[in-house]
Amino acid sequence: MLEDTRETVKLITFLNTEDDVRAGLLSRAGAVIDLSAATPRPRFDLSDVLHLISLGPEALAWLRDVAAREQATQPLESVRLLATIPRP
């Protein structure tokens, strides 16, 4: 059995300091990565976690890359976490 060494991603939905609903990742260090500020920008919509999940491997590869670089982070304490998938 091969061990999967790829970056694990933890998707979140949160309110930023301007009360905008955002999709993001929780970094290994416990910081929030705002996907709307991450680069390079993908061709798909970054505003909805359920949509990102539905895209499958292409979105997952991009999310893993963003998580590994930990760019566009902000402290977890500066945001309000919401249900990850607002409309299950």
PDB file of N, CA and C in Angstrom:
ATOM      1  N   MET A   1       0.842  -1.177   0.000  1.00  0.00           N
ATOM      2  CA  MET A   1       0.000   0.000   0.000  1.00  0.00           C
ATOM      3  C   MET A   1       0.888   1.242   0.000  1.00  0.00           C
ATOM      4  N   LEU A   2       0.613   2.180  -0.902  1.00  0.00           N
ATOM      5  CA  LEU A   2       1.382   3.412  -0.981  1.00  0.00           C
ATOM      6  C   LEU A   2       0.776   4.465  -0.074  1.00  0.00           C
ATOM      7  N   GLU A   3       1.636   5.176   0.602  1.00  0.00           N
ATOM      8  CA  GLU A   3       1.175   6.256   1.475  1.00  0.00           C
ATOM      9  C   GLU A   3       0.914   7.497   0.631  1.00  0.00           C
ATOM     10  N   ASP A   4      -0.202   8.158   0.876  1.00  0.00           N
ATOM     11  CA  ASP A   4      -0.535   9.392   0.170  1.00  0.00           C
ATOM     12  C   ASP A   4       0.148  10.547   0.894  1.00  0.00           C
ATOM     13  N   THR A   5       1.143  11.155   0.250  1.00  0.00           N
ATOM     14  CA  THR A   5       1.906  12.235   0.880  1.00  0.00           C
ATOM     15  C   THR A   5       1.476  13.611   0.385  1.00  0.00           C
ATOM     16  N   ARG A   6       0.403  13.674  -0.393  1.00  0.00           N
ATOM     17  CA  ARG A   6      -0.068  14.965  -0.890  1.00  0.00           C
ATOM     18  C   ARG A   6      -0.611  15.805   0.256  1.00  0.00           C
ATOM     19  N   GLU A   7      -0.598  17.101   0.059  1.00  0.00           N
ATOM     20  CA  GLU A   7      -1.084  18.058   1.047  1.00  0.00           C
ATOM     21  C   GLU A   7      -2.576  17.842   1.322  1.00  0.00           C
ATOM     22  N   THR A   8      -2.935  17.722   2.588  1.00  0.00           N
ATOM     23  CA  THR A   8      -4.337  17.639   2.980  1.00  0.00           C
ATOM     24  C   THR A   8      -4.897  19.050   3.017  1.00  0.00           C
ATOM     25  N   VAL A   9      -6.090  19.221   2.475  1.00  0.00           N
ATOM     26  CA  VAL A   9      -6.711  20.546   2.503  1.00  0.00           C
ATOM     27  C   VAL A   9      -7.928  20.515   3.416  1.00  0.00           C
ATOM     28  N   LYS A  10      -8.089  21.592   4.171  1.00  0.00           N
ATOM     29  CA  LYS A  10      -9.225  21.740   5.081  1.00  0.00           C
ATOM     30  C   LYS A  10     -10.018  22.954   4.614  1.00  0.00           C
ATOM     31  N   LEU A  11     -11.098  22.685   3.898  1.00  0.00           N
ATOM     32  CA  LEU A  11     -11.936  23.754   3.369  1.00  0.00           C
ATOM     33  C   LEU A  11     -12.773  24.374   4.473  1.00  0.00           C
ATOM     34  N   ILE A  12     -12.943  25.684   4.397  1.00  0.00           N
ATOM     35  CA  ILE A  12     -13.780  26.411   5.355  1.00  0.00           C
ATOM     36  C   ILE A  12     -14.584  27.468   4.605  1.00  0.00           C
ATOM     37  N   THR A  13     -15.656  27.914   5.221  1.00  0.00           N
ATOM     38  CA  THR A  13     -16.399  29.082   4.773  1.00  0.00           C
ATOM     39  C   THR A  13     -16.370  30.046   5.948  1.00  0.00           C
ATOM     40  N   PHE A  14     -16.105  31.316   5.664  1.00  0.00           N
ATOM     41  CA  PHE A  14     -15.948  32.278   6.763  1.00  0.00           C
ATOM     42  C   PHE A  14     -16.421  33.659   6.364  1.00  0.00           C
ATOM     43  N   LEU A  15     -16.656  34.489   7.375  1.00  0.00           N
ATOM     44  CA  LEU A  15     -16.929  35.919   7.194  1.00  0.00           C
ATOM     45  C   LEU A  15     -15.637  36.657   7.471  1.00  0.00           C
ATOM     46  N   ASN A  16     -15.222  37.507   6.529  1.00  0.00           N
ATOM     47  CA  ASN A  16     -14.010  38.291   6.768  1.00  0.00           C
ATOM     48  C   ASN A  16     -14.356  39.532   7.590  1.00  0.00           C
ATOM     49  N   THR A  17     -13.397  40.403   7.781  1.00  0.00           N
ATOM     50  CA  THR A  17     -13.612  41.582   8.634  1.00  0.00           C
ATOM     51  C   THR A  17     -14.618  42.563   8.035  1.00  0.00           C
ATOM     52  N   GLU A  18     -14.876  42.460   6.723  1.00  0.00           N
ATOM     53  CA  GLU A  18     -15.882  43.312   6.076  1.00  0.00           C
ATOM     54  C   GLU A  18     -17.241  42.608   5.985  1.00  0.00           C
ATOM     55  N   ASP A  19     -17.389  41.470   6.670  1.00  0.00           N
ATOM     56  CA  ASP A  19     -18.605  40.655   6.657  1.00  0.00           C
ATOM     57  C   ASP A  19     -18.930  40.082   5.285  1.00  0.00           C
ATOM     58  N   ASP A  20     -17.915  39.830   4.478  1.00  0.00           N
ATOM     59  CA  ASP A  20     -18.088  39.146   3.197  1.00  0.00           C
ATOM     60  C   ASP A  20     -17.912  37.648   3.419  1.00  0.00           C
ATOM     61  N   VAL A  21     -18.808  36.849   2.847  1.00  0.00           N
ATOM     62  CA  VAL A  21     -18.687  35.390   2.937  1.00  0.00           C
ATOM     63  C   VAL A  21     -17.612  34.946   1.945  1.00  0.00           C
ATOM     64  N   ARG A  22     -16.653  34.164   2.430  1.00  0.00           N
ATOM     65  CA  ARG A  22     -15.534  33.698   1.604  1.00  0.00           C
ATOM     66  C   ARG A  22     -15.327  32.202   1.775  1.00  0.00           C
ATOM     67  N   ALA A  23     -14.785  31.591   0.735  1.00  0.00           N
ATOM     68  CA  ALA A  23     -14.307  30.210   0.823  1.00  0.00           C
ATOM     69  C   ALA A  23     -12.828  30.285   1.138  1.00  0.00           C
ATOM     70  N   GLY A  24     -12.357  29.360   1.941  1.00  0.00           N
ATOM     71  CA  GLY A  24     -10.947  29.392   2.306  1.00  0.00           C
ATOM     72  C   GLY A  24     -10.441  28.030   2.720  1.00  0.00           C
ATOM     73  N   LEU A  25      -9.194  28.056   3.143  1.00  0.00           N
ATOM     74  CA  LEU A  25      -8.527  26.869   3.661  1.00  0.00           C
ATOM     75  C   LEU A  25      -7.996  27.193   5.048  1.00  0.00           C
ATOM     76  N   LEU A  26      -7.921  26.188   5.886  1.00  0.00           N
ATOM     77  CA  LEU A  26      -7.256  26.328   7.175  1.00  0.00           C
ATOM     78  C   LEU A  26      -5.849  25.775   6.996  1.00  0.00           C
ATOM     79  N   SER A  27      -4.850  26.605   7.213  1.00  0.00           N
ATOM     80  CA  SER A  27      -3.462  26.191   7.002  1.00  0.00           C
ATOM     81  C   SER A  27      -2.987  25.270   8.119  1.00  0.00           C
ATOM     82  N   ARG A  28      -1.852  24.637   7.880  1.00  0.00           N
ATOM     83  CA  ARG A  28      -1.260  23.769   8.913  1.00  0.00           C
ATOM     84  C   ARG A  28      -0.954  24.546  10.182  1.00  0.00           C
ATOM     85  N   ALA A  29      -0.642  25.840  10.033  1.00  0.00           N
ATOM     86  CA  ALA A  29      -0.314  26.684  11.180  1.00  0.00           C
ATOM     87  C   ALA A  29      -1.559  27.242  11.870  1.00  0.00           C
ATOM     88  N   GLY A  30      -2.735  26.940  11.328  1.00  0.00           N
ATOM     89  CA  GLY A  30      -3.965  27.415  11.940  1.00  0.00           C
ATOM     90  C   GLY A  30      -4.414  28.782  11.453  1.00  0.00           C
ATOM     91  N   ALA A  31      -3.850  29.251  10.355  1.00  0.00           N
ATOM     92  CA  ALA A  31      -4.260  30.525   9.774  1.00  0.00           C
ATOM     93  C   ALA A  31      -5.282  30.268   8.668  1.00  0.00           C
ATOM     94  N   VAL A  32      -6.022  31.292   8.321  1.00  0.00           N
ATOM     95  CA  VAL A  32      -7.018  31.206   7.261  1.00  0.00           C
ATOM     96  C   VAL A  32      -6.393  31.686   5.952  1.00  0.00           C
ATOM     97  N   ILE A  33      -6.557  30.891   4.904  1.00  0.00           N
ATOM     98  CA  ILE A  33      -6.118  31.269   3.559  1.00  0.00           C
ATOM     99  C   ILE A  33      -7.375  31.641   2.784  1.00  0.00           C
ATOM    100  N   ASP A  34      -7.480  32.902   2.414  1.00  0.00           N
ATOM    101  CA  ASP A  34      -8.627  33.398   1.654  1.00  0.00           C
ATOM    102  C   ASP A  34      -8.420  33.032   0.186  1.00  0.00           C
ATOM    103  N   LEU A  35      -9.243  32.147  -0.338  1.00  0.00           N
ATOM    104  CA  LEU A  35      -9.056  31.681  -1.710  1.00  0.00           C
ATOM    105  C   LEU A  35      -9.246  32.784  -2.735  1.00  0.00           C
ATOM    106  N   SER A  36     -10.045  33.795  -2.418  1.00  0.00           N
ATOM    107  CA  SER A  36     -10.249  34.882  -3.378  1.00  0.00           C
ATOM    108  C   SER A  36      -8.985  35.722  -3.559  1.00  0.00           C
ATOM    109  N   ALA A  37      -8.042  35.628  -2.628  1.00  0.00           N
ATOM    110  CA  ALA A  37      -6.793  36.392  -2.718  1.00  0.00           C
ATOM    111  C   ALA A  37      -5.614  35.535  -3.153  1.00  0.00           C
ATOM    112  N   ALA A  38      -5.818  34.240  -3.317  1.00  0.00           N
ATOM    113  CA  ALA A  38      -4.720  33.330  -3.680  1.00  0.00           C
ATOM    114  C   ALA A  38      -4.393  33.444  -5.169  1.00  0.00           C
ATOM    115  N   THR A  39      -3.134  33.237  -5.487  1.00  0.00           N
ATOM    116  CA  THR A  39      -2.686  33.250  -6.881  1.00  0.00           C
ATOM    117  C   THR A  39      -1.882  31.998  -7.172  1.00  0.00           C
ATOM    118  N   PRO A  40      -1.788  31.583  -8.393  1.00  0.00           N
ATOM    119  CA  PRO A  40      -2.463  32.148  -9.568  1.00  0.00           C
ATOM    120  C   PRO A  40      -3.956  31.853  -9.527  1.00  0.00           C
ATOM    121  N   ARG A  41      -4.725  32.744 -10.129  1.00  0.00           N
ATOM    122  CA  ARG A  41      -6.178  32.590 -10.151  1.00  0.00           C
ATOM    123  C   ARG A  41      -6.574  31.473 -11.106  1.00  0.00           C
ATOM    124  N   PRO A  42      -7.395  30.549 -10.650  1.00  0.00           N
ATOM    125  CA  PRO A  42      -7.864  29.486 -11.538  1.00  0.00           C
ATOM    126  C   PRO A  42      -9.013  29.975 -12.417  1.00  0.00           C
ATOM    127  N   ARG A  43      -9.432  29.120 -13.341  1.00  0.00           N
ATOM    128  CA  ARG A  43     -10.546  29.455 -14.237  1.00  0.00           C
ATOM    129  C   ARG A  43     -11.902  29.244 -13.572  1.00  0.00           C
ATOM    130  N   PHE A  44     -11.940  28.632 -12.401  1.00  0.00           N
ATOM    131  CA  PHE A  44     -13.215  28.314 -11.778  1.00  0.00           C
ATOM    132  C   PHE A  44     -13.555  29.274 -10.645  1.00  0.00           C
ATOM    133  N   ASP A  45     -14.832  29.252 -10.238  1.00  0.00           N
ATOM    134  CA  ASP A  45     -15.364  30.126  -9.194  1.00  0.00           C
ATOM    135  C   ASP A  45     -14.833  29.710  -7.825  1.00  0.00           C
ATOM    136  N   LEU A  46     -14.332  30.677  -7.072  1.00  0.00           N
ATOM    137  CA  LEU A  46     -13.747  30.403  -5.754  1.00  0.00           C
ATOM    138  C   LEU A  46     -14.653  30.792  -4.595  1.00  0.00           C
ATOM    139  N   SER A  47     -15.870  31.178  -4.885  1.00  0.00           N
ATOM    140  CA  SER A  47     -16.712  31.723  -3.827  1.00  0.00           C
ATOM    141  C   SER A  47     -17.549  30.690  -3.090  1.00  0.00           C
ATOM    142  N   ASP A  48     -17.594  29.452  -3.573  1.00  0.00           N
ATOM    143  CA  ASP A  48     -18.501  28.464  -3.007  1.00  0.00           C
ATOM    144  C   ASP A  48     -17.780  27.133  -2.805  1.00  0.00           C
ATOM    145  N   VAL A  49     -17.710  26.676  -1.565  1.00  0.00           N
ATOM    146  CA  VAL A  49     -17.006  25.433  -1.235  1.00  0.00           C
ATOM    147  C   VAL A  49     -17.644  24.235  -1.926  1.00  0.00           C
ATOM    148  N   LEU A  50     -18.962  24.184  -1.957  1.00  0.00           N
ATOM    149  CA  LEU A  50     -19.637  23.056  -2.607  1.00  0.00           C
ATOM    150  C   LEU A  50     -19.283  22.990  -4.093  1.00  0.00           C
ATOM    151  N   HIS A  51     -19.213  24.140  -4.729  1.00  0.00           N
ATOM    152  CA  HIS A  51     -18.809  24.184  -6.142  1.00  0.00           C
ATOM    153  C   HIS A  51     -17.376  23.677  -6.305  1.00  0.00           C
ATOM    154  N   LEU A  52     -16.478  24.092  -5.434  1.00  0.00           N
ATOM    155  CA  LEU A  52     -15.090  23.626  -5.511  1.00  0.00           C
ATOM    156  C   LEU A  52     -15.003  22.114  -5.372  1.00  0.00           C
ATOM    157  N   ILE A  53     -15.756  21.554  -4.448  1.00  0.00           N
ATOM    158  CA  ILE A  53     -15.759  20.105  -4.258  1.00  0.00           C
ATOM    159  C   ILE A  53     -16.270  19.406  -5.510  1.00  0.00           C
ATOM    160  N   SER A  54     -17.300  19.971  -6.130  1.00  0.00           N
ATOM    161  CA  SER A  54     -17.891  19.338  -7.314  1.00  0.00           C
ATOM    162  C   SER A  54     -16.950  19.327  -8.514  1.00  0.00           C
ATOM    163  N   LEU A  55     -15.956  20.186  -8.522  1.00  0.00           N
ATOM    164  CA  LEU A  55     -15.029  20.260  -9.662  1.00  0.00           C
ATOM    165  C   LEU A  55     -14.030  19.105  -9.696  1.00  0.00           C
ATOM    166  N   GLY A  56     -13.840  18.457  -8.571  1.00  0.00           N
ATOM    167  CA  GLY A  56     -12.989  17.273  -8.548  1.00  0.00           C
ATOM    168  C   GLY A  56     -11.494  17.545  -8.617  1.00  0.00           C
ATOM    169  N   PRO A  57     -10.758  16.714  -9.364  1.00  0.00           N
ATOM    170  CA  PRO A  57      -9.294  16.716  -9.345  1.00  0.00           C
ATOM    171  C   PRO A  57      -8.630  18.044  -9.718  1.00  0.00           C
ATOM    172  N   GLU A  58      -9.182  18.776 -10.676  1.00  0.00           N
ATOM    173  CA  GLU A  58      -8.557  20.045 -11.081  1.00  0.00           C
ATOM    174  C   GLU A  58      -8.549  21.039  -9.922  1.00  0.00           C
ATOM    175  N   ALA A  59      -9.697  21.179  -9.263  1.00  0.00           N
ATOM    176  CA  ALA A  59      -9.779  22.105  -8.132  1.00  0.00           C
ATOM    177  C   ALA A  59      -8.943  21.600  -6.965  1.00  0.00           C
ATOM    178  N   LEU A  60      -8.970  20.302  -6.717  1.00  0.00           N
ATOM    179  CA  LEU A  60      -8.197  19.744  -5.605  1.00  0.00           C
ATOM    180  C   LEU A  60      -6.702  19.986  -5.793  1.00  0.00           C
ATOM    181  N   ALA A  61      -6.209  19.839  -6.993  1.00  0.00           N
ATOM    182  CA  ALA A  61      -4.785  20.098  -7.261  1.00  0.00           C
ATOM    183  C   ALA A  61      -4.446  21.560  -6.985  1.00  0.00           C
ATOM    184  N   TRP A  62      -5.315  22.466  -7.413  1.00  0.00           N
ATOM    185  CA  TRP A  62      -5.072  23.893  -7.171  1.00  0.00           C
ATOM    186  C   TRP A  62      -5.130  24.191  -5.673  1.00  0.00           C
ATOM    187  N   LEU A  63      -6.113  23.623  -4.965  1.00  0.00           N
ATOM    188  CA  LEU A  63      -6.231  23.837  -3.522  1.00  0.00           C
ATOM    189  C   LEU A  63      -5.010  23.320  -2.774  1.00  0.00           C
ATOM    190  N   ARG A  64      -4.511  22.169  -3.160  1.00  0.00           N
ATOM    191  CA  ARG A  64      -3.312  21.626  -2.512  1.00  0.00           C
ATOM    192  C   ARG A  64      -2.110  22.534  -2.739  1.00  0.00           C
ATOM    193  N   ASP A  65      -1.994  23.085  -3.936  1.00  0.00           N
ATOM    194  CA  ASP A  65      -0.892  23.997  -4.234  1.00  0.00           C
ATOM    195  C   ASP A  65      -0.989  25.257  -3.369  1.00  0.00           C
ATOM    196  N   VAL A  66      -2.183  25.813  -3.271  1.00  0.00           N
ATOM    197  CA  VAL A  66      -2.400  27.007  -2.434  1.00  0.00           C
ATOM    198  C   VAL A  66      -2.084  26.696  -0.977  1.00  0.00           C
ATOM    199  N   ALA A  67      -2.539  25.546  -0.491  1.00  0.00           N
ATOM    200  CA  ALA A  67      -2.296  25.161   0.906  1.00  0.00           C
ATOM    201  C   ALA A  67      -0.804  25.012   1.179  1.00  0.00           C
ATOM    202  N   ALA A  68      -0.073  24.453   0.229  1.00  0.00           N
ATOM    203  CA  ALA A  68       1.365  24.245   0.419  1.00  0.00           C
ATOM    204  C   ALA A  68       2.119  25.570   0.484  1.00  0.00           C
ATOM    205  N   ARG A  69       1.656  26.570  -0.252  1.00  0.00           N
ATOM    206  CA  ARG A  69       2.334  27.875  -0.271  1.00  0.00           C
ATOM    207  C   ARG A  69       1.893  28.783   0.864  1.00  0.00           C
ATOM    208  N   GLU A  70       0.736  28.515   1.459  1.00  0.00           N
ATOM    209  CA  GLU A  70       0.211  29.302   2.583  1.00  0.00           C
ATOM    210  C   GLU A  70       0.292  30.804   2.346  1.00  0.00           C
ATOM    211  N   GLN A  71      -0.200  31.251   1.201  1.00  0.00           N
ATOM    212  CA  GLN A  71      -0.231  32.684   0.896  1.00  0.00           C
ATOM    213  C   GLN A  71      -1.585  33.278   1.264  1.00  0.00           C
ATOM    214  N   ALA A  72      -1.658  34.582   1.325  1.00  0.00           N
ATOM    215  CA  ALA A  72      -2.908  35.308   1.608  1.00  0.00           C
ATOM    216  C   ALA A  72      -3.539  34.841   2.916  1.00  0.00           C
ATOM    217  N   THR A  73      -2.721  34.688   3.957  1.00  0.00           N
ATOM    218  CA  THR A  73      -3.241  34.204   5.232  1.00  0.00           C
ATOM    219  C   THR A  73      -3.655  35.344   6.150  1.00  0.00           C
ATOM    220  N   GLN A  74      -4.555  35.008   7.042  1.00  0.00           N
ATOM    221  CA  GLN A  74      -4.958  35.923   8.104  1.00  0.00           C
ATOM    222  C   GLN A  74      -5.230  35.089   9.347  1.00  0.00           C
ATOM    223  N   PRO A  75      -5.095  35.679  10.514  1.00  0.00           N
ATOM    224  CA  PRO A  75      -5.294  34.911  11.745  1.00  0.00           C
ATOM    225  C   PRO A  75      -6.714  34.360  11.836  1.00  0.00           C
ATOM    226  N   LEU A  76      -6.830  33.157  12.328  1.00  0.00           N
ATOM    227  CA  LEU A  76      -8.138  32.530  12.504  1.00  0.00           C
ATOM    228  C   LEU A  76      -9.032  33.395  13.389  1.00  0.00           C
ATOM    229  N   GLU A  77      -8.442  34.057  14.358  1.00  0.00           N
ATOM    230  CA  GLU A  77      -9.210  34.897  15.284  1.00  0.00           C
ATOM    231  C   GLU A  77      -9.830  36.114  14.603  1.00  0.00           C
ATOM    232  N   SER A  78      -9.357  36.468  13.402  1.00  0.00           N
ATOM    233  CA  SER A  78      -9.859  37.665  12.726  1.00  0.00           C
ATOM    234  C   SER A  78     -11.071  37.391  11.841  1.00  0.00           C
ATOM    235  N   VAL A  79     -11.506  36.133  11.758  1.00  0.00           N
ATOM    236  CA  VAL A  79     -12.652  35.782  10.924  1.00  0.00           C
ATOM    237  C   VAL A  79     -13.693  35.053  11.762  1.00  0.00           C
ATOM    238  N   ARG A  80     -14.883  34.947  11.223  1.00  0.00           N
ATOM    239  CA  ARG A  80     -15.944  34.169  11.876  1.00  0.00           C
ATOM    240  C   ARG A  80     -16.226  32.955  10.991  1.00  0.00           C
ATOM    241  N   LEU A  81     -15.992  31.777  11.523  1.00  0.00           N
ATOM    242  CA  LEU A  81     -16.244  30.552  10.767  1.00  0.00           C
ATOM    243  C   LEU A  81     -17.737  30.312  10.626  1.00  0.00           C
ATOM    244  N   LEU A  82     -18.115  29.844   9.446  1.00  0.00           N
ATOM    245  CA  LEU A  82     -19.498  29.481   9.147  1.00  0.00           C
ATOM    246  C   LEU A  82     -19.535  27.979   8.844  1.00  0.00           C
ATOM    247  N   ALA A  83     -20.723  27.460   8.603  1.00  0.00           N
ATOM    248  CA  ALA A  83     -20.816  26.069   8.163  1.00  0.00           C
ATOM    249  C   ALA A  83     -20.025  25.936   6.860  1.00  0.00           C
ATOM    250  N   THR A  84     -19.199  24.910   6.754  1.00  0.00           N
ATOM    251  CA  THR A  84     -18.366  24.753   5.564  1.00  0.00           C
ATOM    252  C   THR A  84     -19.215  24.688   4.309  1.00  0.00           C
ATOM    253  N   ILE A  85     -20.283  23.919   4.355  1.00  0.00           N
ATOM    254  CA  ILE A  85     -21.202  23.827   3.218  1.00  0.00           C
ATOM    255  C   ILE A  85     -22.532  24.394   3.715  1.00  0.00           C
ATOM    256  N   PRO A  86     -22.806  25.664   3.375  1.00  0.00           N
ATOM    257  CA  PRO A  86     -24.006  26.327   3.907  1.00  0.00           C
ATOM    258  C   PRO A  86     -25.318  25.664   3.520  1.00  0.00           C
ATOM    259  N   ARG A  87     -25.376  25.082   2.327  1.00  0.00           N
ATOM    260  CA  ARG A  87     -26.612  24.462   1.839  1.00  0.00           C
ATOM    261  C   ARG A  87     -26.354  22.987   1.553  1.00  0.00           C
ATOM    262  N   PRO A  88     -26.334  22.151   2.572  1.00  0.00           N
ATOM    263  CA  PRO A  88     -25.975  20.733   2.328  1.00  0.00           C
ATOM    264  C   PRO A  88     -26.966  19.986   1.454  1.00  0.00           C
TER     265      PRO A  88
END
